[in-house]
């Protein structure tokens, strides 16, 4: 781990895939403290069927907190309850944005600032699941579930709106996917 940190090695952290395949939990927070660069990814359909980045982020936030909490021991022998500070929502957002851009070597993306590419997802956060949050902006990660996509912008251009991709026949795509799965099942 120290070698990975000292060399600023970048990793794609895919916690749902690791859990699904019983591969354990990557020590992403510890690696980051040592200097490694962390990004978040979703593996293919074999280990994260939904390929859902929001659920990946939610799981990453929870799994590291749960792992740290599982190591806690009651007082007087232990330190009491712990783990809530294992990773923050803001840290997870960084891994998914600037962290991912850095690991992939992309310039001009990953942060919201003048001169960046204006790649941005805008979600409706007026769902009751977000009502009790101190900051609705943390809602998609802290509350989980699938927020409704208002707009998806790439390079400042709207490429998806109101949970849909213009020109995409979702019913046809679904039928093609079912047929492909049937064909694969015949091979196996």
N, C-alpha and C. Protein backbone atom coordinates (compact mmCIF):
# COMPACT_ATOMS: atom_id res chain seq x y z
N UNK A 1 0.83 -1.19 0.00
CA UNK A 1 0.00 0.00 0.00
C UNK A 1 0.88 1.26 0.00
N UNK A 2 1.96 1.21 0.74
CA UNK A 2 2.84 2.38 0.78
C UNK A 2 3.44 2.66 -0.61
N UNK A 3 3.81 1.61 -1.33
CA UNK A 3 4.34 1.77 -2.68
C UNK A 3 3.30 2.42 -3.60
N UNK A 4 2.05 1.99 -3.48
CA UNK A 4 0.98 2.58 -4.29
C UNK A 4 0.80 4.06 -3.95
N UNK A 5 0.86 4.38 -2.66
CA UNK A 5 0.75 5.77 -2.25
C UNK A 5 1.92 6.60 -2.68
N UNK A 6 3.13 6.10 -2.45
CA UNK A 6 4.34 6.85 -2.80
C UNK A 6 4.43 7.12 -4.30
N UNK A 7 3.89 6.22 -5.11
CA UNK A 7 3.94 6.39 -6.56
C UNK A 7 2.70 7.09 -7.11
N UNK A 8 1.78 7.51 -6.19
CA UNK A 8 0.53 8.18 -6.58
C UNK A 8 -0.25 7.35 -7.60
N UNK A 9 -0.20 6.04 -7.42
CA UNK A 9 -0.93 5.14 -8.31
C UNK A 9 -2.42 5.43 -8.23
N UNK A 10 -3.10 5.37 -9.36
CA UNK A 10 -4.54 5.57 -9.40
C UNK A 10 -5.26 4.23 -9.41
N UNK A 11 -6.35 4.15 -8.67
CA UNK A 11 -7.14 2.93 -8.66
C UNK A 11 -8.59 3.25 -9.01
N UNK A 12 -9.23 2.30 -9.65
CA UNK A 12 -10.67 2.37 -9.90
C UNK A 12 -11.32 1.52 -8.81
N UNK A 13 -11.98 2.16 -7.89
CA UNK A 13 -12.62 1.49 -6.76
C UNK A 13 -14.03 1.10 -7.19
N UNK A 14 -14.31 -0.20 -7.21
CA UNK A 14 -15.61 -0.73 -7.64
C UNK A 14 -16.18 -1.58 -6.49
N UNK A 15 -16.67 -0.94 -5.43
CA UNK A 15 -17.05 -1.68 -4.22
C UNK A 15 -18.21 -2.66 -4.41
N UNK A 16 -19.19 -2.34 -5.25
CA UNK A 16 -20.30 -3.29 -5.44
C UNK A 16 -19.83 -4.54 -6.15
N UNK A 17 -18.98 -4.39 -7.14
CA UNK A 17 -18.44 -5.55 -7.82
C UNK A 17 -17.63 -6.40 -6.84
N UNK A 18 -16.77 -5.73 -6.04
CA UNK A 18 -15.98 -6.47 -5.07
C UNK A 18 -16.88 -7.24 -4.10
N UNK A 19 -17.96 -6.63 -3.66
CA UNK A 19 -18.88 -7.30 -2.74
C UNK A 19 -19.60 -8.45 -3.45
N UNK A 20 -20.07 -8.20 -4.66
CA UNK A 20 -20.80 -9.22 -5.42
C UNK A 20 -19.92 -10.45 -5.67
N UNK A 21 -18.64 -10.23 -5.94
CA UNK A 21 -17.72 -11.33 -6.23
C UNK A 21 -17.02 -11.86 -4.98
N UNK A 22 -17.40 -11.34 -3.82
CA UNK A 22 -16.81 -11.73 -2.53
C UNK A 22 -15.30 -11.51 -2.52
N UNK A 23 -14.87 -10.39 -3.11
CA UNK A 23 -13.46 -10.04 -3.17
C UNK A 23 -13.00 -9.17 -2.01
N UNK A 24 -13.89 -8.87 -1.09
CA UNK A 24 -13.52 -8.03 0.04
C UNK A 24 -13.74 -6.56 -0.25
N UNK A 25 -13.18 -5.72 0.61
CA UNK A 25 -13.35 -4.27 0.51
C UNK A 25 -11.98 -3.65 0.29
N UNK A 26 -11.81 -2.99 -0.83
CA UNK A 26 -10.54 -2.32 -1.11
C UNK A 26 -10.30 -1.24 -0.06
N UNK A 27 -9.08 -1.11 0.41
CA UNK A 27 -8.78 -0.11 1.44
C UNK A 27 -8.61 1.29 0.85
N UNK A 28 -9.60 1.75 0.12
CA UNK A 28 -9.51 3.03 -0.60
C UNK A 28 -9.20 4.21 0.32
N UNK A 29 -9.88 4.37 1.47
CA UNK A 29 -9.54 5.52 2.32
C UNK A 29 -8.08 5.50 2.79
N UNK A 30 -7.59 4.33 3.16
CA UNK A 30 -6.20 4.22 3.62
C UNK A 30 -5.24 4.49 2.47
N UNK A 31 -5.55 3.98 1.29
CA UNK A 31 -4.70 4.25 0.13
C UNK A 31 -4.64 5.74 -0.18
N UNK A 32 -5.79 6.39 -0.08
CA UNK A 32 -5.83 7.83 -0.35
C UNK A 32 -4.98 8.58 0.68
N UNK A 33 -5.06 8.21 1.95
CA UNK A 33 -4.25 8.87 2.97
C UNK A 33 -2.75 8.69 2.70
N UNK A 34 -2.39 7.58 2.06
CA UNK A 34 -0.99 7.32 1.75
C UNK A 34 -0.52 8.00 0.46
N UNK A 35 -1.46 8.59 -0.30
CA UNK A 35 -1.08 9.32 -1.51
C UNK A 35 -1.59 8.73 -2.81
N UNK A 36 -2.25 7.58 -2.78
CA UNK A 36 -2.82 7.01 -4.00
C UNK A 36 -3.98 7.88 -4.47
N UNK A 37 -4.27 7.82 -5.74
CA UNK A 37 -5.39 8.56 -6.32
C UNK A 37 -6.55 7.60 -6.50
N UNK A 38 -7.73 7.97 -6.02
CA UNK A 38 -8.88 7.08 -6.01
C UNK A 38 -9.95 7.59 -6.97
N UNK A 39 -10.51 6.67 -7.73
CA UNK A 39 -11.68 6.95 -8.56
C UNK A 39 -12.73 5.89 -8.25
N UNK A 40 -13.92 6.12 -8.70
CA UNK A 40 -15.01 5.16 -8.51
C UNK A 40 -15.40 4.65 -9.88
N UNK A 41 -15.67 3.35 -9.97
CA UNK A 41 -16.11 2.78 -11.23
C UNK A 41 -17.20 1.75 -11.00
N UNK A 42 -17.82 1.37 -12.06
CA UNK A 42 -18.76 0.25 -12.03
C UNK A 42 -18.27 -0.77 -13.04
N UNK A 43 -18.19 -2.01 -12.61
CA UNK A 43 -17.76 -3.08 -13.51
C UNK A 43 -18.89 -3.43 -14.46
N UNK A 44 -18.65 -4.37 -15.32
CA UNK A 44 -19.63 -4.77 -16.31
C UNK A 44 -20.80 -5.54 -15.73
N UNK A 45 -21.65 -6.00 -16.61
CA UNK A 45 -22.89 -6.65 -16.23
C UNK A 45 -22.69 -7.92 -15.41
N UNK A 46 -21.51 -8.50 -15.44
CA UNK A 46 -21.27 -9.72 -14.68
C UNK A 46 -21.20 -9.47 -13.18
N UNK A 47 -20.96 -8.22 -12.77
CA UNK A 47 -20.80 -7.97 -11.34
C UNK A 47 -21.46 -6.69 -10.85
N UNK A 48 -22.08 -5.93 -11.70
CA UNK A 48 -22.90 -4.79 -11.30
C UNK A 48 -23.92 -4.60 -12.41
N UNK A 49 -24.96 -5.40 -12.35
CA UNK A 49 -25.92 -5.48 -13.45
C UNK A 49 -26.51 -4.14 -13.84
N UNK A 50 -26.70 -3.25 -12.88
CA UNK A 50 -27.34 -1.97 -13.19
C UNK A 50 -26.37 -0.96 -13.79
N UNK A 51 -25.06 -1.15 -13.59
CA UNK A 51 -24.06 -0.17 -14.02
C UNK A 51 -24.49 1.23 -13.57
N UNK A 52 -24.89 1.32 -12.33
CA UNK A 52 -25.50 2.52 -11.76
C UNK A 52 -24.48 3.23 -10.87
N UNK A 53 -23.98 4.35 -11.33
CA UNK A 53 -22.95 5.08 -10.58
C UNK A 53 -23.49 5.63 -9.27
N UNK A 54 -24.73 6.08 -9.23
CA UNK A 54 -25.28 6.62 -7.99
C UNK A 54 -25.32 5.53 -6.92
N UNK A 55 -25.77 4.32 -7.26
CA UNK A 55 -25.79 3.26 -6.25
C UNK A 55 -24.37 2.85 -5.87
N UNK A 56 -23.44 2.95 -6.79
CA UNK A 56 -22.03 2.65 -6.49
C UNK A 56 -21.49 3.64 -5.47
N UNK A 57 -21.81 4.91 -5.65
CA UNK A 57 -21.36 5.94 -4.72
C UNK A 57 -21.98 5.74 -3.34
N UNK A 58 -23.27 5.47 -3.31
CA UNK A 58 -23.96 5.22 -2.03
C UNK A 58 -23.33 4.03 -1.31
N UNK A 59 -23.08 2.97 -2.03
CA UNK A 59 -22.49 1.78 -1.43
C UNK A 59 -21.07 2.05 -0.95
N UNK A 60 -20.28 2.78 -1.73
CA UNK A 60 -18.91 3.10 -1.32
C UNK A 60 -18.93 3.86 0.01
N UNK A 61 -19.83 4.80 0.13
CA UNK A 61 -19.95 5.59 1.37
C UNK A 61 -20.31 4.68 2.54
N UNK A 62 -21.28 3.81 2.34
CA UNK A 62 -21.73 2.95 3.43
C UNK A 62 -20.73 1.85 3.79
N UNK A 63 -20.13 1.21 2.81
CA UNK A 63 -19.31 0.04 3.09
C UNK A 63 -18.07 0.41 3.91
N UNK A 64 -17.49 1.57 3.63
CA UNK A 64 -16.30 1.96 4.40
C UNK A 64 -16.67 2.37 5.82
N UNK A 65 -17.82 2.99 5.98
CA UNK A 65 -18.28 3.34 7.33
C UNK A 65 -18.61 2.07 8.11
N UNK A 66 -19.26 1.11 7.44
CA UNK A 66 -19.61 -0.15 8.12
C UNK A 66 -18.35 -0.92 8.50
N UNK A 67 -17.39 -0.96 7.60
CA UNK A 67 -16.15 -1.68 7.89
C UNK A 67 -15.43 -1.06 9.09
N UNK A 68 -15.33 0.25 9.12
CA UNK A 68 -14.68 0.92 10.24
C UNK A 68 -15.48 0.71 11.53
N UNK A 69 -16.79 0.76 11.44
CA UNK A 69 -17.62 0.54 12.62
C UNK A 69 -17.52 -0.87 13.15
N UNK A 70 -17.33 -1.84 12.26
CA UNK A 70 -17.22 -3.24 12.68
C UNK A 70 -15.96 -3.47 13.51
N UNK A 71 -14.96 -2.61 13.33
CA UNK A 71 -13.72 -2.74 14.10
C UNK A 71 -13.82 -2.07 15.47
N UNK A 72 -14.90 -1.31 15.70
CA UNK A 72 -15.00 -0.59 16.98
C UNK A 72 -15.28 -1.56 18.11
N UNK A 73 -14.83 -1.21 19.29
CA UNK A 73 -15.01 -2.02 20.48
C UNK A 73 -15.52 -1.13 21.60
N UNK A 74 -16.40 -1.67 22.47
CA UNK A 74 -16.93 -0.86 23.55
C UNK A 74 -15.84 -0.44 24.54
N UNK A 75 -16.11 0.64 25.21
CA UNK A 75 -15.20 1.09 26.26
C UNK A 75 -15.35 0.19 27.47
N UNK A 76 -14.45 -0.03 28.32
CA UNK A 76 -13.19 0.70 28.46
C UNK A 76 -12.06 0.12 27.61
N UNK A 77 -12.19 -1.09 27.08
CA UNK A 77 -11.09 -1.67 26.31
C UNK A 77 -10.90 -0.98 24.96
N UNK A 78 -12.00 -0.63 24.32
CA UNK A 78 -11.92 -0.04 22.99
C UNK A 78 -12.17 1.45 23.00
N UNK A 79 -12.35 1.99 21.81
CA UNK A 79 -12.57 3.43 21.65
C UNK A 79 -14.05 3.77 21.58
N UNK A 80 -14.92 2.82 21.78
CA UNK A 80 -16.34 3.08 21.64
C UNK A 80 -16.76 2.99 20.19
N UNK A 81 -17.92 3.53 19.89
CA UNK A 81 -18.41 3.50 18.51
C UNK A 81 -17.52 4.37 17.64
N UNK A 82 -17.25 3.89 16.46
CA UNK A 82 -16.46 4.68 15.51
C UNK A 82 -16.83 4.26 14.10
N UNK A 83 -16.30 4.93 13.13
CA UNK A 83 -16.54 4.57 11.75
C UNK A 83 -17.30 5.60 10.96
N UNK A 84 -18.03 6.50 11.65
CA UNK A 84 -18.82 7.49 10.92
C UNK A 84 -17.94 8.47 10.15
N UNK A 85 -16.68 8.56 10.53
CA UNK A 85 -15.78 9.47 9.83
C UNK A 85 -14.84 8.74 8.86
N UNK A 86 -15.14 7.48 8.58
CA UNK A 86 -14.27 6.69 7.69
C UNK A 86 -14.15 7.33 6.31
N UNK A 87 -15.26 7.75 5.76
CA UNK A 87 -15.30 8.52 4.50
C UNK A 87 -16.46 9.49 4.59
N UNK A 88 -16.32 10.62 3.95
CA UNK A 88 -17.40 11.60 3.92
C UNK A 88 -18.09 11.55 2.55
N UNK A 89 -19.28 12.09 2.50
CA UNK A 89 -19.98 12.20 1.21
C UNK A 89 -19.14 13.04 0.24
N UNK A 90 -18.55 14.10 0.76
CA UNK A 90 -17.73 14.96 -0.09
C UNK A 90 -16.53 14.21 -0.65
N UNK A 91 -15.95 13.32 0.14
CA UNK A 91 -14.82 12.51 -0.32
C UNK A 91 -15.27 11.57 -1.45
N UNK A 92 -16.45 10.98 -1.29
CA UNK A 92 -16.99 10.09 -2.33
C UNK A 92 -17.24 10.89 -3.61
N UNK A 93 -17.80 12.08 -3.49
CA UNK A 93 -18.02 12.92 -4.67
C UNK A 93 -16.69 13.23 -5.35
N UNK A 94 -15.68 13.53 -4.57
CA UNK A 94 -14.35 13.80 -5.15
C UNK A 94 -13.83 12.57 -5.90
N UNK A 95 -13.95 11.39 -5.30
CA UNK A 95 -13.49 10.18 -5.97
C UNK A 95 -14.18 10.01 -7.31
N UNK A 96 -15.48 10.33 -7.36
CA UNK A 96 -16.28 10.11 -8.56
C UNK A 96 -16.07 11.17 -9.63
N UNK A 97 -15.56 12.32 -9.26
CA UNK A 97 -15.43 13.43 -10.21
C UNK A 97 -13.96 13.73 -10.49
N UNK A 98 -13.37 14.59 -9.69
CA UNK A 98 -11.97 14.96 -9.90
C UNK A 98 -11.05 13.76 -9.79
N UNK A 99 -11.35 12.84 -8.87
CA UNK A 99 -10.54 11.64 -8.73
C UNK A 99 -10.55 10.80 -9.99
N UNK A 100 -11.73 10.59 -10.54
CA UNK A 100 -11.84 9.81 -11.77
C UNK A 100 -11.14 10.47 -12.94
N UNK A 101 -11.33 11.78 -13.07
CA UNK A 101 -10.68 12.51 -14.16
C UNK A 101 -9.16 12.41 -14.03
N UNK A 102 -8.67 12.54 -12.81
CA UNK A 102 -7.22 12.47 -12.59
C UNK A 102 -6.65 11.10 -12.88
N UNK A 103 -7.33 10.06 -12.40
CA UNK A 103 -6.85 8.69 -12.63
C UNK A 103 -6.82 8.38 -14.12
N UNK A 104 -7.80 8.86 -14.85
CA UNK A 104 -7.87 8.60 -16.29
C UNK A 104 -6.99 9.55 -17.11
N UNK A 105 -6.41 10.55 -16.47
CA UNK A 105 -5.55 11.49 -17.18
C UNK A 105 -6.32 12.51 -18.00
N UNK A 106 -7.60 12.72 -17.67
CA UNK A 106 -8.41 13.70 -18.40
C UNK A 106 -8.15 15.09 -17.85
N UNK A 107 -7.95 16.03 -18.71
CA UNK A 107 -7.80 17.42 -18.30
C UNK A 107 -9.03 18.19 -18.72
N UNK A 108 -9.37 19.22 -17.94
CA UNK A 108 -10.50 20.07 -18.29
C UNK A 108 -11.85 19.52 -17.87
N UNK A 109 -11.86 18.44 -17.08
CA UNK A 109 -13.11 17.87 -16.55
C UNK A 109 -12.88 17.47 -15.10
N UNK A 110 -13.97 17.20 -14.42
CA UNK A 110 -13.87 16.66 -13.07
C UNK A 110 -14.15 17.66 -11.96
N UNK A 111 -14.12 18.95 -12.26
CA UNK A 111 -14.44 19.96 -11.26
C UNK A 111 -15.31 21.04 -11.90
N UNK A 112 -15.98 21.79 -11.06
CA UNK A 112 -16.80 22.91 -11.53
C UNK A 112 -16.00 24.19 -11.35
N UNK A 113 -15.41 24.64 -12.43
CA UNK A 113 -14.67 25.90 -12.40
C UNK A 113 -14.55 26.45 -13.82
N UNK A 114 -14.23 27.70 -13.90
CA UNK A 114 -14.10 28.37 -15.19
C UNK A 114 -13.06 27.63 -16.03
N UNK A 115 -13.40 27.40 -17.28
CA UNK A 115 -12.50 26.75 -18.21
C UNK A 115 -12.66 25.24 -18.31
N UNK A 116 -13.47 24.66 -17.42
CA UNK A 116 -13.71 23.22 -17.47
C UNK A 116 -14.78 22.92 -18.53
N UNK A 117 -14.96 21.66 -18.83
CA UNK A 117 -15.81 21.25 -19.96
C UNK A 117 -17.32 21.38 -19.74
N UNK A 118 -17.76 21.68 -18.55
CA UNK A 118 -19.18 21.79 -18.24
C UNK A 118 -19.91 20.46 -18.46
N UNK A 119 -19.30 19.37 -18.00
CA UNK A 119 -19.96 18.07 -17.94
C UNK A 119 -20.64 18.01 -16.58
N UNK A 120 -21.96 17.86 -16.57
CA UNK A 120 -22.70 18.05 -15.33
C UNK A 120 -24.00 17.27 -15.34
N UNK A 121 -24.31 16.65 -14.21
CA UNK A 121 -25.62 16.02 -14.02
C UNK A 121 -26.41 16.87 -13.05
N UNK A 122 -27.66 17.16 -13.38
CA UNK A 122 -28.53 17.93 -12.51
C UNK A 122 -29.73 17.05 -12.16
N UNK A 123 -29.93 16.83 -10.87
CA UNK A 123 -31.00 15.95 -10.39
C UNK A 123 -32.08 16.74 -9.68
N UNK A 124 -33.33 16.25 -9.77
CA UNK A 124 -34.42 16.77 -8.95
C UNK A 124 -34.22 16.21 -7.55
N UNK A 125 -34.15 17.08 -6.57
CA UNK A 125 -33.94 16.64 -5.19
C UNK A 125 -35.10 17.04 -4.30
N UNK A 126 -36.32 17.08 -4.88
CA UNK A 126 -37.48 17.43 -4.09
C UNK A 126 -38.31 16.21 -3.69
N UNK A 127 -37.73 15.03 -3.82
CA UNK A 127 -38.37 13.78 -3.41
C UNK A 127 -38.36 13.70 -1.88
N UNK A 128 -39.40 13.12 -1.27
CA UNK A 128 -39.44 13.02 0.20
C UNK A 128 -38.20 12.36 0.82
N UNK A 129 -37.51 11.51 0.10
CA UNK A 129 -36.32 10.85 0.68
C UNK A 129 -35.25 11.86 1.06
N UNK A 130 -35.30 13.06 0.49
CA UNK A 130 -34.28 14.08 0.77
C UNK A 130 -34.75 15.15 1.76
N UNK A 131 -36.01 15.08 2.21
CA UNK A 131 -36.56 16.15 3.04
C UNK A 131 -35.78 16.38 4.33
N UNK A 132 -35.29 15.35 4.96
CA UNK A 132 -34.65 15.50 6.26
C UNK A 132 -33.17 15.77 6.24
N UNK A 133 -32.61 15.97 5.08
CA UNK A 133 -31.16 16.17 4.98
C UNK A 133 -30.78 17.61 5.29
N UNK A 134 -29.64 17.79 5.95
CA UNK A 134 -29.14 19.13 6.23
C UNK A 134 -28.73 19.84 4.94
N UNK A 135 -28.38 19.05 3.93
CA UNK A 135 -27.95 19.60 2.65
C UNK A 135 -28.46 18.67 1.55
N UNK A 136 -29.50 19.06 0.81
CA UNK A 136 -30.05 18.17 -0.22
C UNK A 136 -29.03 17.75 -1.27
N UNK A 137 -27.96 18.52 -1.45
CA UNK A 137 -26.95 18.19 -2.46
C UNK A 137 -26.28 16.85 -2.16
N UNK A 138 -26.27 16.40 -0.90
CA UNK A 138 -25.67 15.11 -0.57
C UNK A 138 -26.68 13.98 -0.74
N UNK A 139 -27.90 14.32 -1.07
CA UNK A 139 -29.00 13.34 -1.15
C UNK A 139 -28.75 12.11 -1.98
N UNK A 140 -28.31 12.23 -3.22
CA UNK A 140 -28.13 11.02 -4.02
C UNK A 140 -27.16 10.01 -3.39
N UNK A 141 -26.15 10.49 -2.68
CA UNK A 141 -25.20 9.57 -2.06
C UNK A 141 -25.69 9.14 -0.69
N UNK A 142 -26.09 10.08 0.15
CA UNK A 142 -26.48 9.75 1.52
C UNK A 142 -27.79 8.97 1.59
N UNK A 143 -28.75 9.29 0.72
CA UNK A 143 -30.06 8.66 0.80
C UNK A 143 -30.21 7.47 -0.12
N UNK A 144 -29.34 7.33 -1.08
CA UNK A 144 -29.42 6.22 -2.01
C UNK A 144 -30.63 6.34 -2.91
N UNK A 145 -30.92 5.26 -3.58
CA UNK A 145 -32.03 5.29 -4.54
C UNK A 145 -31.60 6.00 -5.81
N UNK A 146 -32.52 6.11 -6.70
CA UNK A 146 -32.21 6.73 -7.99
C UNK A 146 -32.90 8.08 -8.08
N UNK A 147 -32.13 9.15 -8.04
CA UNK A 147 -32.76 10.46 -8.19
C UNK A 147 -33.21 10.66 -9.64
N UNK A 148 -34.20 11.48 -9.81
CA UNK A 148 -34.68 11.80 -11.15
C UNK A 148 -33.70 12.77 -11.82
N UNK A 149 -33.23 12.40 -13.01
CA UNK A 149 -32.30 13.24 -13.76
C UNK A 149 -33.08 14.34 -14.46
N UNK A 150 -32.73 15.56 -14.16
CA UNK A 150 -33.35 16.71 -14.84
C UNK A 150 -32.61 16.97 -16.15
N UNK A 151 -31.27 17.13 -16.05
CA UNK A 151 -30.46 17.36 -17.24
C UNK A 151 -29.12 16.67 -17.08
N UNK A 152 -28.59 16.20 -18.20
CA UNK A 152 -27.21 15.73 -18.28
C UNK A 152 -26.54 16.55 -19.37
N UNK A 153 -25.49 17.24 -18.99
CA UNK A 153 -24.77 18.09 -19.93
C UNK A 153 -23.39 17.54 -20.18
N UNK A 154 -22.98 17.54 -21.44
CA UNK A 154 -21.61 17.19 -21.84
C UNK A 154 -21.08 18.36 -22.65
N UNK A 155 -20.00 18.95 -22.18
CA UNK A 155 -19.47 20.12 -22.85
C UNK A 155 -20.46 21.27 -22.90
N UNK A 156 -21.32 21.34 -21.88
CA UNK A 156 -22.32 22.39 -21.82
C UNK A 156 -23.56 22.15 -22.64
N UNK A 157 -23.61 21.07 -23.40
CA UNK A 157 -24.76 20.74 -24.24
C UNK A 157 -25.63 19.70 -23.54
N UNK A 158 -26.95 19.91 -23.54
CA UNK A 158 -27.87 18.96 -22.93
C UNK A 158 -27.95 17.71 -23.80
N UNK A 159 -27.57 16.56 -23.21
CA UNK A 159 -27.61 15.29 -23.95
C UNK A 159 -28.69 14.36 -23.40
N UNK A 160 -29.21 14.66 -22.23
CA UNK A 160 -30.34 13.91 -21.67
C UNK A 160 -31.17 14.90 -20.87
N UNK A 161 -32.49 14.68 -20.90
CA UNK A 161 -33.39 15.59 -20.21
C UNK A 161 -34.60 14.83 -19.71
N UNK A 162 -35.02 15.18 -18.51
CA UNK A 162 -36.20 14.55 -17.89
C UNK A 162 -36.13 13.03 -17.95
N UNK A 163 -34.98 12.50 -17.52
CA UNK A 163 -34.77 11.05 -17.41
C UNK A 163 -34.78 10.32 -18.75
N UNK A 164 -34.59 11.04 -19.83
CA UNK A 164 -34.58 10.38 -21.13
C UNK A 164 -33.48 10.87 -22.03
N UNK A 165 -33.13 10.05 -23.00
CA UNK A 165 -32.12 10.41 -23.99
C UNK A 165 -32.86 10.66 -25.30
N UNK A 166 -32.82 11.89 -25.81
CA UNK A 166 -33.53 12.19 -27.05
C UNK A 166 -33.12 11.24 -28.18
N UNK A 167 -34.12 10.70 -28.86
CA UNK A 167 -33.88 9.82 -29.99
C UNK A 167 -33.65 8.37 -29.63
N UNK A 168 -33.59 8.04 -28.35
CA UNK A 168 -33.38 6.66 -27.95
C UNK A 168 -34.72 5.95 -27.78
N UNK A 169 -34.91 4.87 -28.51
CA UNK A 169 -36.11 4.05 -28.38
C UNK A 169 -35.84 3.02 -27.29
N UNK A 170 -36.24 3.35 -26.07
CA UNK A 170 -35.93 2.51 -24.92
C UNK A 170 -36.60 1.14 -25.02
N UNK A 171 -37.81 1.08 -25.54
CA UNK A 171 -38.49 -0.20 -25.70
C UNK A 171 -37.72 -1.10 -26.66
N UNK A 172 -37.25 -0.54 -27.75
CA UNK A 172 -36.47 -1.31 -28.73
C UNK A 172 -35.15 -1.78 -28.11
N UNK A 173 -34.49 -0.90 -27.39
CA UNK A 173 -33.24 -1.26 -26.73
C UNK A 173 -33.47 -2.40 -25.73
N UNK A 174 -34.56 -2.32 -24.98
CA UNK A 174 -34.89 -3.39 -24.03
C UNK A 174 -35.11 -4.72 -24.73
N UNK A 175 -35.81 -4.69 -25.84
CA UNK A 175 -36.06 -5.92 -26.60
C UNK A 175 -34.75 -6.50 -27.14
N UNK A 176 -33.86 -5.64 -27.61
CA UNK A 176 -32.56 -6.10 -28.11
C UNK A 176 -31.73 -6.71 -26.98
N UNK A 177 -31.78 -6.11 -25.82
CA UNK A 177 -31.04 -6.65 -24.67
C UNK A 177 -31.57 -8.02 -24.28
N UNK A 178 -32.89 -8.17 -24.24
CA UNK A 178 -33.48 -9.48 -23.90
C UNK A 178 -33.08 -10.55 -24.90
N UNK A 179 -33.08 -10.18 -26.17
CA UNK A 179 -32.68 -11.13 -27.22
C UNK A 179 -31.21 -11.52 -27.07
N UNK A 180 -30.36 -10.56 -26.76
CA UNK A 180 -28.94 -10.85 -26.57
C UNK A 180 -28.72 -11.78 -25.38
N UNK A 181 -29.47 -11.57 -24.31
CA UNK A 181 -29.36 -12.46 -23.14
C UNK A 181 -29.82 -13.87 -23.50
N UNK A 182 -30.92 -13.97 -24.23
CA UNK A 182 -31.40 -15.29 -24.68
C UNK A 182 -30.35 -16.01 -25.52
N UNK A 183 -29.70 -15.26 -26.41
CA UNK A 183 -28.66 -15.85 -27.26
C UNK A 183 -27.47 -16.30 -26.41
N UNK A 184 -27.10 -15.53 -25.44
CA UNK A 184 -25.99 -15.92 -24.55
C UNK A 184 -26.35 -17.16 -23.74
N UNK A 185 -27.57 -17.25 -23.30
CA UNK A 185 -28.01 -18.40 -22.50
C UNK A 185 -27.95 -19.70 -23.31
N UNK A 186 -28.19 -19.60 -24.61
CA UNK A 186 -28.11 -20.78 -25.47
C UNK A 186 -26.66 -21.27 -25.61
N UNK A 187 -25.72 -20.35 -25.59
CA UNK A 187 -24.30 -20.69 -25.70
C UNK A 187 -23.83 -21.38 -24.45
N UNK A 188 -24.31 -20.95 -23.32
CA UNK A 188 -23.87 -21.50 -22.03
C UNK A 188 -24.55 -22.81 -21.85
